């Protein structure tokens, strides 16, 4: 096993952990970052951001049903597979996740 030495070891890869690691690295420190779950933390993977993406489509369906007959003729058809794909790729780009 190869031993590596770091100046800073960041626990957690959420927004705060990544920001801390980047600031330390930008200052010339050798940084390692680790997380018990998938890289990106709760907000990026299963919390705030994915929820907001899913909610906008759900809210659109409710709104369009409420407006049926007063300007909206039919509620839209949503491809949930496309929404999931969009969510996955948008978050990967936003947080620079490695695949």
PDB file of N, CA and C in Angstrom:
ATOM      1  N   UNK A   1       0.846  -1.174   0.000  1.00  0.00           N
ATOM      2  CA  UNK A   1       0.000   0.000   0.000  1.00  0.00           C
ATOM      3  C   UNK A   1       0.897   1.246   0.000  1.00  0.00           C
ATOM      4  N   UNK A   2       0.570   2.170  -0.874  1.00  0.00           N
ATOM      5  CA  UNK A   2       1.333   3.406  -0.975  1.00  0.00           C
ATOM      6  C   UNK A   2       0.784   4.411   0.037  1.00  0.00           C
ATOM      7  N   UNK A   3       1.672   4.963   0.835  1.00  0.00           N
ATOM      8  CA  UNK A   3       1.267   5.965   1.812  1.00  0.00           C
ATOM      9  C   UNK A   3       1.290   7.341   1.156  1.00  0.00           C
ATOM     10  N   UNK A   4       0.221   8.084   1.350  1.00  0.00           N
ATOM     11  CA  UNK A   4       0.138   9.445   0.827  1.00  0.00           C
ATOM     12  C   UNK A   4      -0.066  10.389   1.996  1.00  0.00           C
ATOM     13  N   UNK A   5       0.500  11.567   1.883  1.00  0.00           N
ATOM     14  CA  UNK A   5       0.367  12.562   2.950  1.00  0.00           C
ATOM     15  C   UNK A   5      -0.388  13.776   2.416  1.00  0.00           C
ATOM     16  N   UNK A   6      -1.297  14.276   3.248  1.00  0.00           N
ATOM     17  CA  UNK A   6      -2.109  15.431   2.890  1.00  0.00           C
ATOM     18  C   UNK A   6      -2.021  16.467   4.000  1.00  0.00           C
ATOM     19  N   UNK A   7      -2.237  17.707   3.632  1.00  0.00           N
ATOM     20  CA  UNK A   7      -2.304  18.782   4.622  1.00  0.00           C
ATOM     21  C   UNK A   7      -3.694  18.870   5.244  1.00  0.00           C
ATOM     22  N   UNK A   8      -4.697  18.556   4.429  1.00  0.00           N
ATOM     23  CA  UNK A   8      -6.097  18.669   4.870  1.00  0.00           C
ATOM     24  C   UNK A   8      -6.862  17.438   4.394  1.00  0.00           C
ATOM     25  N   UNK A   9      -7.674  16.873   5.285  1.00  0.00           N
ATOM     26  CA  UNK A   9      -8.557  15.769   4.917  1.00  0.00           C
ATOM     27  C   UNK A   9      -9.979  16.225   5.203  1.00  0.00           C
ATOM     28  N   UNK A  10     -10.775  16.376   4.150  1.00  0.00           N
ATOM     29  CA  UNK A  10     -12.146  16.867   4.272  1.00  0.00           C
ATOM     30  C   UNK A  10     -13.092  15.677   4.332  1.00  0.00           C
ATOM     31  N   UNK A  11     -13.939  15.666   5.344  1.00  0.00           N
ATOM     32  CA  UNK A  11     -14.941  14.608   5.485  1.00  0.00           C
ATOM     33  C   UNK A  11     -16.276  15.167   5.011  1.00  0.00           C
ATOM     34  N   UNK A  12     -16.798  14.584   3.955  1.00  0.00           N
ATOM     35  CA  UNK A  12     -18.063  15.033   3.382  1.00  0.00           C
ATOM     36  C   UNK A  12     -17.836  15.761   2.076  1.00  0.00           C
ATOM     37  N   UNK A  13     -18.554  15.345   1.051  1.00  0.00           N
ATOM     38  CA  UNK A  13     -18.365  15.922  -0.285  1.00  0.00           C
ATOM     39  C   UNK A  13     -19.553  16.751  -0.741  1.00  0.00           C
ATOM     40  N   UNK A  14     -20.323  17.241   0.210  1.00  0.00           N
ATOM     41  CA  UNK A  14     -21.425  18.137  -0.122  1.00  0.00           C
ATOM     42  C   UNK A  14     -20.896  19.509  -0.502  1.00  0.00           C
ATOM     43  N   UNK A  15     -21.776  20.471  -0.589  1.00  0.00           N
ATOM     44  CA  UNK A  15     -21.407  21.817  -1.017  1.00  0.00           C
ATOM     45  C   UNK A  15     -20.286  22.379  -0.143  1.00  0.00           C
ATOM     46  N   UNK A  16     -20.426  22.295   1.166  1.00  0.00           N
ATOM     47  CA  UNK A  16     -19.418  22.860   2.076  1.00  0.00           C
ATOM     48  C   UNK A  16     -18.098  22.101   1.979  1.00  0.00           C
ATOM     49  N   UNK A  17     -18.160  20.782   1.899  1.00  0.00           N
ATOM     50  CA  UNK A  17     -16.935  19.993   1.801  1.00  0.00           C
ATOM     51  C   UNK A  17     -16.161  20.274   0.530  1.00  0.00           C
ATOM     52  N   UNK A  18     -16.875  20.344  -0.596  1.00  0.00           N
ATOM     53  CA  UNK A  18     -16.204  20.625  -1.875  1.00  0.00           C
ATOM     54  C   UNK A  18     -15.624  22.037  -1.886  1.00  0.00           C
ATOM     55  N   UNK A  19     -16.356  22.995  -1.341  1.00  0.00           N
ATOM     56  CA  UNK A  19     -15.877  24.380  -1.291  1.00  0.00           C
ATOM     57  C   UNK A  19     -14.620  24.473  -0.424  1.00  0.00           C
ATOM     58  N   UNK A  20     -14.656  23.830   0.725  1.00  0.00           N
ATOM     59  CA  UNK A  20     -13.499  23.823   1.625  1.00  0.00           C
ATOM     60  C   UNK A  20     -12.300  23.184   0.953  1.00  0.00           C
ATOM     61  N   UNK A  21     -12.512  22.035   0.323  1.00  0.00           N
ATOM     62  CA  UNK A  21     -11.417  21.335  -0.359  1.00  0.00           C
ATOM     63  C   UNK A  21     -10.836  22.201  -1.478  1.00  0.00           C
ATOM     64  N   UNK A  22     -11.695  22.853  -2.251  1.00  0.00           N
ATOM     65  CA  UNK A  22     -11.223  23.689  -3.359  1.00  0.00           C
ATOM     66  C   UNK A  22     -10.438  24.890  -2.842  1.00  0.00           C
ATOM     67  N   UNK A  23     -10.928  25.523  -1.778  1.00  0.00           N
ATOM     68  CA  UNK A  23     -10.224  26.677  -1.220  1.00  0.00           C
ATOM     69  C   UNK A  23      -8.841  26.274  -0.696  1.00  0.00           C
ATOM     70  N   UNK A  24      -8.769  25.140  -0.029  1.00  0.00           N
ATOM     71  CA  UNK A  24      -7.488  24.663   0.487  1.00  0.00           C
ATOM     72  C   UNK A  24      -6.540  24.323  -0.655  1.00  0.00           C
ATOM     73  N   UNK A  25      -7.051  23.637  -1.669  1.00  0.00           N
ATOM     74  CA  UNK A  25      -6.218  23.281  -2.825  1.00  0.00           C
ATOM     75  C   UNK A  25      -5.741  24.536  -3.552  1.00  0.00           C
ATOM     76  N   UNK A  26      -6.612  25.520  -3.700  1.00  0.00           N
ATOM     77  CA  UNK A  26      -6.235  26.779  -4.347  1.00  0.00           C
ATOM     78  C   UNK A  26      -5.154  27.527  -3.556  1.00  0.00           C
ATOM     79  N   UNK A  27      -5.085  27.233  -2.242  1.00  0.00           N
ATOM     80  CA  UNK A  27      -4.065  27.864  -1.398  1.00  0.00           C
ATOM     81  C   UNK A  27      -2.756  27.077  -1.403  1.00  0.00           C
ATOM     82  N   UNK A  28      -2.719  26.013  -2.202  1.00  0.00           N
ATOM     83  CA  UNK A  28      -1.487  25.231  -2.322  1.00  0.00           C
ATOM     84  C   UNK A  28      -1.393  24.049  -1.374  1.00  0.00           C
ATOM     85  N   UNK A  29      -2.446  23.764  -0.638  1.00  0.00           N
ATOM     86  CA  UNK A  29      -2.430  22.623   0.272  1.00  0.00           C
ATOM     87  C   UNK A  29      -2.779  21.336  -0.478  1.00  0.00           C
ATOM     88  N   UNK A  30      -2.216  20.242   0.000  1.00  0.00           N
ATOM     89  CA  UNK A  30      -2.567  18.926  -0.557  1.00  0.00           C
ATOM     90  C   UNK A  30      -3.821  18.458   0.170  1.00  0.00           C
ATOM     91  N   UNK A  31      -4.871  18.170  -0.591  1.00  0.00           N
ATOM     92  CA  UNK A  31      -6.180  17.912  -0.004  1.00  0.00           C
ATOM     93  C   UNK A  31      -6.712  16.549  -0.441  1.00  0.00           C
ATOM     94  N   UNK A  32      -7.307  15.846   0.513  1.00  0.00           N
ATOM     95  CA  UNK A  32      -8.068  14.631   0.227  1.00  0.00           C
ATOM     96  C   UNK A  32      -9.489  14.877   0.701  1.00  0.00           C
ATOM     97  N   UNK A  33     -10.438  14.272   0.006  1.00  0.00           N
ATOM     98  CA  UNK A  33     -11.849  14.421   0.389  1.00  0.00           C
ATOM     99  C   UNK A  33     -12.497  13.045   0.349  1.00  0.00           C
ATOM    100  N   UNK A  34     -13.358  12.774   1.310  1.00  0.00           N
ATOM    101  CA  UNK A  34     -13.996  11.468   1.400  1.00  0.00           C
ATOM    102  C   UNK A  34     -15.447  11.636   1.839  1.00  0.00           C
ATOM    103  N   UNK A  35     -16.251  10.672   1.472  1.00  0.00           N
ATOM    104  CA  UNK A  35     -17.657  10.683   1.869  1.00  0.00           C
ATOM    105  C   UNK A  35     -18.099   9.245   2.060  1.00  0.00           C
ATOM    106  N   UNK A  36     -18.973   9.017   3.012  1.00  0.00           N
ATOM    107  CA  UNK A  36     -19.484   7.673   3.252  1.00  0.00           C
ATOM    108  C   UNK A  36     -20.476   7.239   2.177  1.00  0.00           C
ATOM    109  N   UNK A  37     -21.098   8.220   1.522  1.00  0.00           N
ATOM    110  CA  UNK A  37     -22.068   7.942   0.454  1.00  0.00           C
ATOM    111  C   UNK A  37     -21.518   8.458  -0.867  1.00  0.00           C
ATOM    112  N   UNK A  38     -22.364   8.525  -1.874  1.00  0.00           N
ATOM    113  CA  UNK A  38     -21.901   8.957  -3.195  1.00  0.00           C
ATOM    114  C   UNK A  38     -21.413  10.394  -3.165  1.00  0.00           C
ATOM    115  N   UNK A  39     -20.446  10.685  -4.029  1.00  0.00           N
ATOM    116  CA  UNK A  39     -19.835  12.008  -4.086  1.00  0.00           C
ATOM    117  C   UNK A  39     -20.894  13.058  -4.404  1.00  0.00           C
ATOM    118  N   UNK A  40     -20.885  14.148  -3.694  1.00  0.00           N
ATOM    119  CA  UNK A  40     -21.805  15.250  -3.955  1.00  0.00           C
ATOM    120  C   UNK A  40     -22.715  15.593  -2.801  1.00  0.00           C
ATOM    121  N   UNK A  41     -22.811  14.722  -1.817  1.00  0.00           N
ATOM    122  CA  UNK A  41     -23.620  15.015  -0.641  1.00  0.00           C
ATOM    123  C   UNK A  41     -25.116  14.877  -0.876  1.00  0.00           C
ATOM    124  N   UNK A  42     -25.856  15.166   0.157  1.00  0.00           N
ATOM    125  CA  UNK A  42     -27.316  15.005   0.132  1.00  0.00           C
ATOM    126  C   UNK A  42     -27.988  15.934  -0.861  1.00  0.00           C
ATOM    127  N   UNK A  43     -27.639  17.211  -0.815  1.00  0.00           N
ATOM    128  CA  UNK A  43     -28.350  18.199  -1.634  1.00  0.00           C
ATOM    129  C   UNK A  43     -28.237  17.881  -3.123  1.00  0.00           C
ATOM    130  N   UNK A  44     -27.052  17.557  -3.571  1.00  0.00           N
ATOM    131  CA  UNK A  44     -26.843  17.308  -4.989  1.00  0.00           C
ATOM    132  C   UNK A  44     -27.380  15.982  -5.493  1.00  0.00           C
ATOM    133  N   UNK A  45     -27.463  14.984  -4.642  1.00  0.00           N
ATOM    134  CA  UNK A  45     -27.833  13.644  -5.097  1.00  0.00           C
ATOM    135  C   UNK A  45     -29.265  13.239  -4.818  1.00  0.00           C
ATOM    136  N   UNK A  46     -29.787  13.612  -3.678  1.00  0.00           N
ATOM    137  CA  UNK A  46     -31.124  13.131  -3.337  1.00  0.00           C
ATOM    138  C   UNK A  46     -31.913  14.138  -2.516  1.00  0.00           C
ATOM    139  N   UNK A  47     -31.389  15.328  -2.354  1.00  0.00           N
ATOM    140  CA  UNK A  47     -32.046  16.326  -1.517  1.00  0.00           C
ATOM    141  C   UNK A  47     -32.652  17.452  -2.318  1.00  0.00           C
ATOM    142  N   UNK A  48     -32.231  18.642  -1.997  1.00  0.00           N
ATOM    143  CA  UNK A  48     -32.818  19.876  -2.525  1.00  0.00           C
ATOM    144  C   UNK A  48     -32.916  19.912  -4.048  1.00  0.00           C
ATOM    145  N   UNK A  49     -31.796  19.739  -4.720  1.00  0.00           N
ATOM    146  CA  UNK A  49     -31.767  19.947  -6.174  1.00  0.00           C
ATOM    147  C   UNK A  49     -32.581  18.918  -6.947  1.00  0.00           C
ATOM    148  N   UNK A  50     -32.403  17.614  -6.698  1.00  0.00           N
ATOM    149  CA  UNK A  50     -33.248  16.653  -7.423  1.00  0.00           C
ATOM    150  C   UNK A  50     -34.733  16.861  -7.139  1.00  0.00           C
ATOM    151  N   UNK A  51     -35.036  17.208  -5.884  1.00  0.00           N
ATOM    152  CA  UNK A  51     -36.434  17.427  -5.510  1.00  0.00           C
ATOM    153  C   UNK A  51     -37.025  18.596  -6.289  1.00  0.00           C
ATOM    154  N   UNK A  52     -36.280  19.682  -6.425  1.00  0.00           N
ATOM    155  CA  UNK A  52     -36.787  20.853  -7.142  1.00  0.00           C
ATOM    156  C   UNK A  52     -37.059  20.532  -8.607  1.00  0.00           C
ATOM    157  N   UNK A  53     -36.199  19.746  -9.208  1.00  0.00           N
ATOM    158  CA  UNK A  53     -36.400  19.373 -10.610  1.00  0.00           C
ATOM    159  C   UNK A  53     -37.674  18.550 -10.752  1.00  0.00           C
ATOM    160  N   UNK A  54     -37.859  17.577  -9.879  1.00  0.00           N
ATOM    161  CA  UNK A  54     -39.043  16.719  -9.965  1.00  0.00           C
ATOM    162  C   UNK A  54     -40.318  17.506  -9.646  1.00  0.00           C
ATOM    163  N   UNK A  55     -40.247  18.385  -8.669  1.00  0.00           N
ATOM    164  CA  UNK A  55     -41.439  19.142  -8.275  1.00  0.00           C
ATOM    165  C   UNK A  55     -41.946  20.061  -9.372  1.00  0.00           C
ATOM    166  N   UNK A  56     -41.044  20.655 -10.141  1.00  0.00           N
ATOM    167  CA  UNK A  56     -41.519  21.586 -11.171  1.00  0.00           C
ATOM    168  C   UNK A  56     -42.414  20.877 -12.183  1.00  0.00           C
ATOM    169  N   UNK A  57     -42.104  19.634 -12.496  1.00  0.00           N
ATOM    170  CA  UNK A  57     -42.939  18.900 -13.447  1.00  0.00           C
ATOM    171  C   UNK A  57     -44.255  18.463 -12.801  1.00  0.00           C
ATOM    172  N   UNK A  58     -44.201  18.049 -11.549  1.00  0.00           N
ATOM    173  CA  UNK A  58     -45.427  17.675 -10.839  1.00  0.00           C
ATOM    174  C   UNK A  58     -46.357  18.874 -10.691  1.00  0.00           C
ATOM    175  N   UNK A  59     -45.779  20.035 -10.349  1.00  0.00           N
ATOM    176  CA  UNK A  59     -46.585  21.243 -10.201  1.00  0.00           C
ATOM    177  C   UNK A  59     -47.183  21.673 -11.539  1.00  0.00           C
ATOM    178  N   UNK A  60     -46.431  21.477 -12.615  1.00  0.00           N
ATOM    179  CA  UNK A  60     -46.950  21.815 -13.933  1.00  0.00           C
ATOM    180  C   UNK A  60     -48.180  20.962 -14.261  1.00  0.00           C
ATOM    181  N   UNK A  61     -48.143  19.689 -13.889  1.00  0.00           N
ATOM    182  CA  UNK A  61     -49.295  18.815 -14.145  1.00  0.00           C
ATOM    183  C   UNK A  61     -50.520  19.284 -13.358  1.00  0.00           C
ATOM    184  N   UNK A  62     -50.336  19.630 -12.105  1.00  0.00           N
ATOM    185  CA  UNK A  62     -51.450  20.101 -11.281  1.00  0.00           C
ATOM    186  C   UNK A  62     -52.012  21.398 -11.857  1.00  0.00           C
ATOM    187  N   UNK A  63     -51.133  22.333 -12.188  1.00  0.00           N
ATOM    188  CA  UNK A  63     -51.575  23.618 -12.733  1.00  0.00           C
ATOM    189  C   UNK A  63     -52.333  23.428 -14.049  1.00  0.00           C
ATOM    190  N   UNK A  64     -51.816  22.576 -14.918  1.00  0.00           N
ATOM    191  CA  UNK A  64     -52.481  22.398 -16.209  1.00  0.00           C
ATOM    192  C   UNK A  64     -53.849  21.733 -16.039  1.00  0.00           C
ATOM    193  N   UNK A  65     -53.980  20.821 -15.085  1.00  0.00           N
ATOM    194  CA  UNK A  65     -55.287  20.205 -14.816  1.00  0.00           C
ATOM    195  C   UNK A  65     -56.266  21.238 -14.266  1.00  0.00           C
ATOM    196  N   UNK A  66     -55.766  22.134 -13.424  1.00  0.00           N
ATOM    197  CA  UNK A  66     -56.617  23.192 -12.866  1.00  0.00           C
ATOM    198  C   UNK A  66     -57.052  24.188 -13.935  1.00  0.00           C
ATOM    199  N   UNK A  67     -56.262  24.328 -14.983  1.00  0.00           N
ATOM    200  CA  UNK A  67     -56.566  25.289 -16.050  1.00  0.00           C
ATOM    201  C   UNK A  67     -57.303  24.652 -17.231  1.00  0.00           C
ATOM    202  N   UNK A  68     -57.579  23.355 -17.155  1.00  0.00           N
ATOM    203  CA  UNK A  68     -58.280  22.675 -18.246  1.00  0.00           C
ATOM    204  C   UNK A  68     -59.657  23.310 -18.425  1.00  0.00           C
ATOM    205  N   UNK A  69     -59.941  23.670 -19.656  1.00  0.00           N
ATOM    206  CA  UNK A  69     -61.225  24.272 -19.985  1.00  0.00           C
ATOM    207  C   UNK A  69     -61.235  25.789 -19.885  1.00  0.00           C
ATOM    208  N   UNK A  70     -60.197  26.363 -19.330  1.00  0.00           N
ATOM    209  CA  UNK A  70     -60.125  27.830 -19.256  1.00  0.00           C
ATOM    210  C   UNK A  70     -58.808  28.317 -19.877  1.00  0.00           C
ATOM    211  N   UNK A  71     -58.454  27.653 -20.972  1.00  0.00           N
ATOM    212  CA  UNK A  71     -57.246  28.048 -21.697  1.00  0.00           C
ATOM    213  C   UNK A  71     -56.323  26.881 -21.997  1.00  0.00           C
ATOM    214  N   UNK A  72     -56.389  25.855 -21.201  1.00  0.00           N
ATOM    215  CA  UNK A  72     -55.593  24.654 -21.456  1.00  0.00           C
ATOM    216  C   UNK A  72     -56.558  23.562 -21.895  1.00  0.00           C
ATOM    217  N   UNK A  73     -56.302  23.010 -23.091  1.00  0.00           N
ATOM    218  CA  UNK A  73     -57.228  21.992 -23.587  1.00  0.00           C
ATOM    219  C   UNK A  73     -56.913  20.607 -23.024  1.00  0.00           C
ATOM    220  N   UNK A  74     -55.658  20.268 -22.906  1.00  0.00           N
ATOM    221  CA  UNK A  74     -55.254  18.965 -22.369  1.00  0.00           C
ATOM    222  C   UNK A  74     -53.982  19.124 -21.532  1.00  0.00           C
ATOM    223  N   UNK A  75     -53.910  18.450 -20.408  1.00  0.00           N
ATOM    224  CA  UNK A  75     -52.656  18.462 -19.656  1.00  0.00           C
ATOM    225  C   UNK A  75     -51.532  17.841 -20.501  1.00  0.00           C
ATOM    226  N   UNK A  76     -50.318  18.300 -20.322  1.00  0.00           N
ATOM    227  CA  UNK A  76     -49.210  17.755 -21.112  1.00  0.00           C
ATOM    228  C   UNK A  76     -48.905  16.316 -20.714  1.00  0.00           C
ATOM    229  N   UNK A  77     -48.280  15.620 -21.621  1.00  0.00           N
ATOM    230  CA  UNK A  77     -47.782  14.282 -21.321  1.00  0.00           C
ATOM    231  C   UNK A  77     -46.306  14.429 -20.972  1.00  0.00           C
ATOM    232  N   UNK A  78     -45.922  13.882 -19.847  1.00  0.00           N
ATOM    233  CA  UNK A  78     -44.542  14.002 -19.393  1.00  0.00           C
ATOM    234  C   UNK A  78     -43.854  12.650 -19.518  1.00  0.00           C
ATOM    235  N   UNK A  79     -42.666  12.677 -20.102  1.00  0.00           N
ATOM    236  CA  UNK A  79     -41.828  11.482 -20.135  1.00  0.00           C
ATOM    237  C   UNK A  79     -40.962  11.512 -18.881  1.00  0.00           C
ATOM    238  N   UNK A  80     -41.351  10.742 -17.869  1.00  0.00           N
ATOM    239  CA  UNK A  80     -40.604  10.757 -16.619  1.00  0.00           C
ATOM    240  C   UNK A  80     -39.191  10.216 -16.808  1.00  0.00           C
ATOM    241  N   UNK A  81     -38.986   9.341 -17.785  1.00  0.00           N
ATOM    242  CA  UNK A  81     -37.627   8.853 -18.088  1.00  0.00           C
ATOM    243  C   UNK A  81     -36.762  10.006 -18.573  1.00  0.00           C
ATOM    244  N   UNK A  82     -37.331  10.885 -19.424  1.00  0.00           N
ATOM    245  CA  UNK A  82     -36.584  12.057 -19.888  1.00  0.00           C
ATOM    246  C   UNK A  82     -36.299  13.028 -18.739  1.00  0.00           C
ATOM    247  N   UNK A  83     -37.255  13.184 -17.842  1.00  0.00           N
ATOM    248  CA  UNK A  83     -37.060  14.066 -16.691  1.00  0.00           C
ATOM    249  C   UNK A  83     -35.930  13.526 -15.811  1.00  0.00           C
ATOM    250  N   UNK A  84     -35.937  12.232 -15.564  1.00  0.00           N
ATOM    251  CA  UNK A  84     -34.876  11.611 -14.755  1.00  0.00           C
ATOM    252  C   UNK A  84     -33.518  11.787 -15.427  1.00  0.00           C
ATOM    253  N   UNK A  85     -33.478  11.617 -16.730  1.00  0.00           N
ATOM    254  CA  UNK A  85     -32.233  11.773 -17.477  1.00  0.00           C
ATOM    255  C   UNK A  85     -31.741  13.220 -17.392  1.00  0.00           C
ATOM    256  N   UNK A  86     -32.663  14.167 -17.564  1.00  0.00           N
ATOM    257  CA  UNK A  86     -32.327  15.585 -17.440  1.00  0.00           C
ATOM    258  C   UNK A  86     -31.771  15.878 -16.048  1.00  0.00           C
ATOM    259  N   UNK A  87     -32.449  15.371 -15.025  1.00  0.00           N
ATOM    260  CA  UNK A  87     -32.024  15.597 -13.641  1.00  0.00           C
ATOM    261  C   UNK A  87     -30.612  15.067 -13.425  1.00  0.00           C
ATOM    262  N   UNK A  88     -30.378  13.875 -13.881  1.00  0.00           N
ATOM    263  CA  UNK A  88     -29.059  13.248 -13.705  1.00  0.00           C
ATOM    264  C   UNK A  88     -27.965  14.065 -14.387  1.00  0.00           C
ATOM    265  N   UNK A  89     -28.179  14.441 -15.650  1.00  0.00           N
ATOM    266  CA  UNK A  89     -27.144  15.153 -16.395  1.00  0.00           C
ATOM    267  C   UNK A  89     -26.979  16.598 -15.935  1.00  0.00           C
ATOM    268  N   UNK A  90     -28.061  17.255 -15.550  1.00  0.00           N
ATOM    269  CA  UNK A  90     -27.966  18.632 -15.055  1.00  0.00           C
ATOM    270  C   UNK A  90     -27.152  18.667 -13.767  1.00  0.00           C
ATOM    271  N   UNK A  91     -27.406  17.734 -12.875  1.00  0.00           N
ATOM    272  CA  UNK A  91     -26.684  17.727 -11.610  1.00  0.00           C
ATOM    273  C   UNK A  91     -25.224  17.347 -11.804  1.00  0.00           C
ATOM    274  N   UNK A  92     -24.941  16.444 -12.734  1.00  0.00           N
ATOM    275  CA  UNK A  92     -23.544  16.093 -13.006  1.00  0.00           C
ATOM    276  C   UNK A  92     -22.795  17.318 -13.502  1.00  0.00           C
ATOM    277  N   UNK A  93     -23.424  18.107 -14.394  1.00  0.00           N
ATOM    278  CA  UNK A  93     -22.763  19.321 -14.903  1.00  0.00           C
ATOM    279  C   UNK A  93     -22.636  20.370 -13.806  1.00  0.00           C
ATOM    280  N   UNK A  94     -23.675  20.552 -13.041  1.00  0.00           N
ATOM    281  CA  UNK A  94     -23.667  21.606 -12.020  1.00  0.00           C
ATOM    282  C   UNK A  94     -22.603  21.361 -10.950  1.00  0.00           C
ATOM    283  N   UNK A  95     -22.482  20.130 -10.515  1.00  0.00           N
ATOM    284  CA  UNK A  95     -21.565  19.824  -9.413  1.00  0.00           C
ATOM    285  C   UNK A  95     -20.248  19.220  -9.871  1.00  0.00           C
ATOM    286  N   UNK A  96     -20.055  19.138 -11.191  1.00  0.00           N
ATOM    287  CA  UNK A  96     -18.824  18.568 -11.737  1.00  0.00           C
ATOM    288  C   UNK A  96     -18.542  17.182 -11.171  1.00  0.00           C
ATOM    289  N   UNK A  97     -19.596  16.381 -11.025  1.00  0.00           N
ATOM    290  CA  UNK A  97     -19.419  15.016 -10.539  1.00  0.00           C
ATOM    291  C   UNK A  97     -18.643  14.231 -11.565  1.00  0.00           C
ATOM    292  N   UNK A  98     -17.846  13.305 -11.110  1.00  0.00           N
ATOM    293  CA  UNK A  98     -17.169  12.400 -12.031  1.00  0.00           C
ATOM    294  C   UNK A  98     -18.044  11.167 -12.179  1.00  0.00           C
ATOM    295  N   UNK A  99     -18.176  10.718 -13.410  1.00  0.00           N
ATOM    296  CA  UNK A  99     -18.988   9.521 -13.637  1.00  0.00           C
ATOM    297  C   UNK A  99     -18.192   8.280 -13.353  1.00  0.00           C
TER     298      UNK A  99
END
